[in-house]
Amino acid sequence: MTQTKSKVLVFEKVPTKGFKLEVFDARIRRAKIPGGWLVTIRDEGVTFVPDPKHEWDGASLT
């Protein structure tokens, strides 16, 4: 019997500073997917951020 490798969606924490909810652990996370990122805040919803080359390092622009 051949086992197939299970694929999973992996979210990583995005460090924050000055975010109103950080006291409650803002838990902003992102997952690399084809064409960009899936981003979630406190597991309340998900949004797609287009970034085909995955250049976003998680930081804000200054």
PDB file of N, CA and C in Angstrom:
ATOM      1  N   MET A   1       0.844  -1.174   0.000  1.00  0.00           N
ATOM      2  CA  MET A   1       0.000   0.000   0.000  1.00  0.00           C
ATOM      3  C   MET A   1       0.896   1.247   0.000  1.00  0.00           C
ATOM      4  N   THR A   2       0.625   2.189  -0.901  1.00  0.00           N
ATOM      5  CA  THR A   2       1.395   3.424  -0.998  1.00  0.00           C
ATOM      6  C   THR A   2       0.738   4.518  -0.170  1.00  0.00           C
ATOM      7  N   GLN A   3       1.545   5.166   0.667  1.00  0.00           N
ATOM      8  CA  GLN A   3       1.025   6.280   1.453  1.00  0.00           C
ATOM      9  C   GLN A   3       1.256   7.578   0.700  1.00  0.00           C
ATOM     10  N   THR A   4       0.255   8.447   0.704  1.00  0.00           N
ATOM     11  CA  THR A   4       0.412   9.752   0.093  1.00  0.00           C
ATOM     12  C   THR A   4       0.678  10.759   1.190  1.00  0.00           C
ATOM     13  N   LYS A   5       1.547  11.716   0.889  1.00  0.00           N
ATOM     14  CA  LYS A   5       1.885  12.745   1.860  1.00  0.00           C
ATOM     15  C   LYS A   5       0.710  13.709   1.997  1.00  0.00           C
ATOM     16  N   SER A   6       0.273  13.912   3.211  1.00  0.00           N
ATOM     17  CA  SER A   6      -0.841  14.821   3.475  1.00  0.00           C
ATOM     18  C   SER A   6      -0.383  16.269   3.307  1.00  0.00           C
ATOM     19  N   LYS A   7      -1.169  17.046   2.595  1.00  0.00           N
ATOM     20  CA  LYS A   7      -0.854  18.459   2.398  1.00  0.00           C
ATOM     21  C   LYS A   7      -1.672  19.271   3.381  1.00  0.00           C
ATOM     22  N   VAL A   8      -1.044  20.264   3.967  1.00  0.00           N
ATOM     23  CA  VAL A   8      -1.717  21.114   4.948  1.00  0.00           C
ATOM     24  C   VAL A   8      -1.436  22.576   4.645  1.00  0.00           C
ATOM     25  N   LEU A   9      -2.329  23.431   5.097  1.00  0.00           N
ATOM     26  CA  LEU A   9      -2.157  24.869   4.989  1.00  0.00           C
ATOM     27  C   LEU A   9      -1.426  25.320   6.247  1.00  0.00           C
ATOM     28  N   VAL A  10      -0.244  25.917   6.090  1.00  0.00           N
ATOM     29  CA  VAL A  10       0.587  26.296   7.229  1.00  0.00           C
ATOM     30  C   VAL A  10       0.549  27.813   7.422  1.00  0.00           C
ATOM     31  N   PHE A  11       0.060  28.239   8.578  1.00  0.00           N
ATOM     32  CA  PHE A  11       0.029  29.664   8.920  1.00  0.00           C
ATOM     33  C   PHE A  11       1.207  29.986   9.820  1.00  0.00           C
ATOM     34  N   GLU A  12       1.820  31.158   9.587  1.00  0.00           N
ATOM     35  CA  GLU A  12       2.898  31.633  10.445  1.00  0.00           C
ATOM     36  C   GLU A  12       2.479  32.945  11.089  1.00  0.00           C
ATOM     37  N   LYS A  13       2.964  33.202  12.293  1.00  0.00           N
ATOM     38  CA  LYS A  13       2.614  34.416  13.019  1.00  0.00           C
ATOM     39  C   LYS A  13       3.306  35.613  12.380  1.00  0.00           C
ATOM     40  N   VAL A  14       2.578  36.720  12.252  1.00  0.00           N
ATOM     41  CA  VAL A  14       3.134  37.975  11.765  1.00  0.00           C
ATOM     42  C   VAL A  14       3.319  38.871  12.990  1.00  0.00           C
ATOM     43  N   PRO A  15       4.560  39.206  13.360  1.00  0.00           N
ATOM     44  CA  PRO A  15       4.788  40.040  14.540  1.00  0.00           C
ATOM     45  C   PRO A  15       4.128  41.416  14.377  1.00  0.00           C
ATOM     46  N   THR A  16       3.551  41.928  15.460  1.00  0.00           N
ATOM     47  CA  THR A  16       2.894  43.233  15.412  1.00  0.00           C
ATOM     48  C   THR A  16       3.406  44.132  16.526  1.00  0.00           C
ATOM     49  N   LYS A  17       3.262  45.434  16.304  1.00  0.00           N
ATOM     50  CA  LYS A  17       3.606  46.435  17.313  1.00  0.00           C
ATOM     51  C   LYS A  17       2.619  47.575  17.154  1.00  0.00           C
ATOM     52  N   GLY A  18       2.001  47.991  18.260  1.00  0.00           N
ATOM     53  CA  GLY A  18       1.074  49.097  18.215  1.00  0.00           C
ATOM     54  C   GLY A  18      -0.318  48.723  17.766  1.00  0.00           C
ATOM     55  N   PHE A  19      -0.590  47.450  17.616  1.00  0.00           N
ATOM     56  CA  PHE A  19      -1.909  46.991  17.188  1.00  0.00           C
ATOM     57  C   PHE A  19      -2.825  46.977  18.396  1.00  0.00           C
ATOM     58  N   LYS A  20      -3.985  47.552  18.263  1.00  0.00           N
ATOM     59  CA  LYS A  20      -4.909  47.727  19.381  1.00  0.00           C
ATOM     60  C   LYS A  20      -5.203  46.424  20.126  1.00  0.00           C
ATOM     61  N   LEU A  21      -5.243  45.319  19.418  1.00  0.00           N
ATOM     62  CA  LEU A  21      -5.596  44.046  20.046  1.00  0.00           C
ATOM     63  C   LEU A  21      -4.392  43.250  20.537  1.00  0.00           C
ATOM     64  N   GLU A  22      -3.173  43.825  20.442  1.00  0.00           N
ATOM     65  CA  GLU A  22      -1.995  43.034  20.802  1.00  0.00           C
ATOM     66  C   GLU A  22      -1.996  42.606  22.264  1.00  0.00           C
ATOM     67  N   VAL A  23      -2.685  43.347  23.121  1.00  0.00           N
ATOM     68  CA  VAL A  23      -2.788  42.968  24.522  1.00  0.00           C
ATOM     69  C   VAL A  23      -3.459  41.605  24.646  1.00  0.00           C
ATOM     70  N   PHE A  24      -4.356  41.314  23.737  1.00  0.00           N
ATOM     71  CA  PHE A  24      -5.085  40.049  23.757  1.00  0.00           C
ATOM     72  C   PHE A  24      -4.490  39.036  22.782  1.00  0.00           C
ATOM     73  N   ASP A  25      -3.235  39.228  22.420  1.00  0.00           N
ATOM     74  CA  ASP A  25      -2.565  38.369  21.441  1.00  0.00           C
ATOM     75  C   ASP A  25      -3.283  38.465  20.097  1.00  0.00           C
ATOM     76  N   ALA A  26      -2.932  39.478  19.334  1.00  0.00           N
ATOM     77  CA  ALA A  26      -3.601  39.794  18.068  1.00  0.00           C
ATOM     78  C   ALA A  26      -3.667  38.594  17.125  1.00  0.00           C
ATOM     79  N   ARG A  27      -2.694  37.748  17.185  1.00  0.00           N
ATOM     80  CA  ARG A  27      -2.659  36.551  16.357  1.00  0.00           C
ATOM     81  C   ARG A  27      -2.926  36.839  14.884  1.00  0.00           C
ATOM     82  N   ILE A  28      -2.130  37.705  14.337  1.00  0.00           N
ATOM     83  CA  ILE A  28      -2.179  37.916  12.895  1.00  0.00           C
ATOM     84  C   ILE A  28      -1.280  36.849  12.283  1.00  0.00           C
ATOM     85  N   ARG A  29      -1.847  36.086  11.375  1.00  0.00           N
ATOM     86  CA  ARG A  29      -1.100  34.990  10.761  1.00  0.00           C
ATOM     87  C   ARG A  29      -1.280  35.018   9.246  1.00  0.00           C
ATOM     88  N   ARG A  30      -0.305  34.445   8.555  1.00  0.00           N
ATOM     89  CA  ARG A  30      -0.384  34.375   7.102  1.00  0.00           C
ATOM     90  C   ARG A  30       0.060  33.002   6.631  1.00  0.00           C
ATOM     91  N   ALA A  31      -0.468  32.614   5.487  1.00  0.00           N
ATOM     92  CA  ALA A  31      -0.093  31.348   4.858  1.00  0.00           C
ATOM     93  C   ALA A  31       0.239  31.622   3.393  1.00  0.00           C
ATOM     94  N   LYS A  32       1.363  31.106   2.948  1.00  0.00           N
ATOM     95  CA  LYS A  32       1.791  31.276   1.555  1.00  0.00           C
ATOM     96  C   LYS A  32       0.964  30.338   0.677  1.00  0.00           C
ATOM     97  N   ILE A  33       0.305  30.924  -0.328  1.00  0.00           N
ATOM     98  CA  ILE A  33      -0.459  30.137  -1.293  1.00  0.00           C
ATOM     99  C   ILE A  33      -0.085  30.625  -2.693  1.00  0.00           C
ATOM    100  N   PRO A  34      -0.437  29.886  -3.721  1.00  0.00           N
ATOM    101  CA  PRO A  34      -0.132  30.344  -5.074  1.00  0.00           C
ATOM    102  C   PRO A  34      -0.727  31.730  -5.331  1.00  0.00           C
ATOM    103  N   GLY A  35       0.115  32.661  -5.753  1.00  0.00           N
ATOM    104  CA  GLY A  35      -0.335  34.007  -6.099  1.00  0.00           C
ATOM    105  C   GLY A  35      -0.338  35.009  -4.967  1.00  0.00           C
ATOM    106  N   GLY A  36      -0.027  34.576  -3.740  1.00  0.00           N
ATOM    107  CA  GLY A  36      -0.015  35.534  -2.637  1.00  0.00           C
ATOM    108  C   GLY A  36      -0.118  34.878  -1.275  1.00  0.00           C
ATOM    109  N   TRP A  37      -0.846  35.554  -0.385  1.00  0.00           N
ATOM    110  CA  TRP A  37      -0.965  35.133   1.007  1.00  0.00           C
ATOM    111  C   TRP A  37      -2.427  35.093   1.443  1.00  0.00           C
ATOM    112  N   LEU A  38      -2.753  34.163   2.334  1.00  0.00           N
ATOM    113  CA  LEU A  38      -4.000  34.213   3.074  1.00  0.00           C
ATOM    114  C   LEU A  38      -3.642  34.794   4.434  1.00  0.00           C
ATOM    115  N   VAL A  39      -4.351  35.829   4.861  1.00  0.00           N
ATOM    116  CA  VAL A  39      -4.061  36.501   6.132  1.00  0.00           C
ATOM    117  C   VAL A  39      -5.300  36.441   7.009  1.00  0.00           C
ATOM    118  N   THR A  40      -5.093  36.130   8.283  1.00  0.00           N
ATOM    119  CA  THR A  40      -6.189  36.066   9.236  1.00  0.00           C
ATOM    120  C   THR A  40      -5.813  36.807  10.523  1.00  0.00           C
ATOM    121  N   ILE A  41      -6.800  37.421  11.157  1.00  0.00           N
ATOM    122  CA  ILE A  41      -6.617  38.101  12.435  1.00  0.00           C
ATOM    123  C   ILE A  41      -7.526  37.437  13.452  1.00  0.00           C
ATOM    124  N   ARG A  42      -6.929  36.905  14.479  1.00  0.00           N
ATOM    125  CA  ARG A  42      -7.652  36.269  15.577  1.00  0.00           C
ATOM    126  C   ARG A  42      -8.654  35.224  15.090  1.00  0.00           C
ATOM    127  N   ASP A  43      -8.354  34.568  14.001  1.00  0.00           N
ATOM    128  CA  ASP A  43      -9.210  33.505  13.465  1.00  0.00           C
ATOM    129  C   ASP A  43     -10.638  33.975  13.200  1.00  0.00           C
ATOM    130  N   GLU A  44     -10.807  35.274  12.950  1.00  0.00           N
ATOM    131  CA  GLU A  44     -12.137  35.841  12.728  1.00  0.00           C
ATOM    132  C   GLU A  44     -12.521  35.924  11.256  1.00  0.00           C
ATOM    133  N   GLY A  45     -11.566  35.834  10.402  1.00  0.00           N
ATOM    134  CA  GLY A  45     -11.844  35.925   8.977  1.00  0.00           C
ATOM    135  C   GLY A  45     -10.548  35.785   8.208  1.00  0.00           C
ATOM    136  N   VAL A  46     -10.665  35.644   6.906  1.00  0.00           N
ATOM    137  CA  VAL A  46      -9.490  35.454   6.061  1.00  0.00           C
ATOM    138  C   VAL A  46      -9.586  36.394   4.875  1.00  0.00           C
ATOM    139  N   THR A  47      -8.446  36.959   4.496  1.00  0.00           N
ATOM    140  CA  THR A  47      -8.399  37.784   3.296  1.00  0.00           C
ATOM    141  C   THR A  47      -7.203  37.353   2.449  1.00  0.00           C
ATOM    142  N   PHE A  48      -7.302  37.582   1.162  1.00  0.00           N
ATOM    143  CA  PHE A  48      -6.225  37.249   0.237  1.00  0.00           C
ATOM    144  C   PHE A  48      -5.420  38.501  -0.062  1.00  0.00           C
ATOM    145  N   VAL A  49      -4.113  38.413   0.052  1.00  0.00           N
ATOM    146  CA  VAL A  49      -3.210  39.513  -0.293  1.00  0.00           C
ATOM    147  C   VAL A  49      -2.408  39.066  -1.511  1.00  0.00           C
ATOM    148  N   PRO A  50      -2.644  39.697  -2.671  1.00  0.00           N
ATOM    149  CA  PRO A  50      -1.895  39.286  -3.860  1.00  0.00           C
ATOM    150  C   PRO A  50      -0.414  39.630  -3.737  1.00  0.00           C
ATOM    151  N   ASP A  51       0.435  38.690  -4.011  1.00  0.00           N
ATOM    152  CA  ASP A  51       1.884  38.862  -3.970  1.00  0.00           C
ATOM    153  C   ASP A  51       2.496  37.662  -4.700  1.00  0.00           C
ATOM    154  N   PRO A  52       2.425  37.661  -6.040  1.00  0.00           N
ATOM    155  CA  PRO A  52       2.828  36.492  -6.821  1.00  0.00           C
ATOM    156  C   PRO A  52       4.248  36.003  -6.543  1.00  0.00           C
ATOM    157  N   LYS A  53       5.159  36.905  -6.189  1.00  0.00           N
ATOM    158  CA  LYS A  53       6.551  36.511  -5.937  1.00  0.00           C
ATOM    159  C   LYS A  53       6.834  36.290  -4.452  1.00  0.00           C
ATOM    160  N   HIS A  54       5.812  36.424  -3.621  1.00  0.00           N
ATOM    161  CA  HIS A  54       5.950  36.262  -2.167  1.00  0.00           C
ATOM    162  C   HIS A  54       7.083  37.131  -1.619  1.00  0.00           C
ATOM    163  N   GLU A  55       7.054  38.408  -1.993  1.00  0.00           N
ATOM    164  CA  GLU A  55       8.083  39.355  -1.553  1.00  0.00           C
ATOM    165  C   GLU A  55       7.772  39.984  -0.196  1.00  0.00           C
ATOM    166  N   TRP A  56       6.531  39.930   0.237  1.00  0.00           N
ATOM    167  CA  TRP A  56       6.150  40.542   1.517  1.00  0.00           C
ATOM    168  C   TRP A  56       6.797  39.770   2.659  1.00  0.00           C
ATOM    169  N   ASP A  57       7.582  40.481   3.462  1.00  0.00           N
ATOM    170  CA  ASP A  57       8.272  39.841   4.578  1.00  0.00           C
ATOM    171  C   ASP A  57       7.471  39.918   5.878  1.00  0.00           C
ATOM    172  N   GLY A  58       6.265  40.433   5.812  1.00  0.00           N
ATOM    173  CA  GLY A  58       5.419  40.536   6.986  1.00  0.00           C
ATOM    174  C   GLY A  58       5.469  41.895   7.653  1.00  0.00           C
ATOM    175  N   ALA A  59       6.396  42.741   7.237  1.00  0.00           N
ATOM    176  CA  ALA A  59       6.560  44.057   7.842  1.00  0.00           C
ATOM    177  C   ALA A  59       5.732  45.111   7.093  1.00  0.00           C
ATOM    178  N   SER A  60       5.483  46.219   7.780  1.00  0.00           N
ATOM    179  CA  SER A  60       4.819  47.368   7.156  1.00  0.00           C
ATOM    180  C   SER A  60       5.823  48.156   6.340  1.00  0.00           C
ATOM    181  N   LEU A  61       5.326  48.881   5.358  1.00  0.00           N
ATOM    182  CA  LEU A  61       6.195  49.776   4.607  1.00  0.00           C
ATOM    183  C   LEU A  61       6.472  51.004   5.457  1.00  0.00           C
ATOM    184  N   THR A  62       7.670  51.521   5.371  1.00  0.00           N
ATOM    185  CA  THR A  62       8.006  52.715   6.174  1.00  0.00           C
ATOM    186  C   THR A  62       8.157  53.927   5.294  1.00  0.00           C
TER     187      THR A  62
END
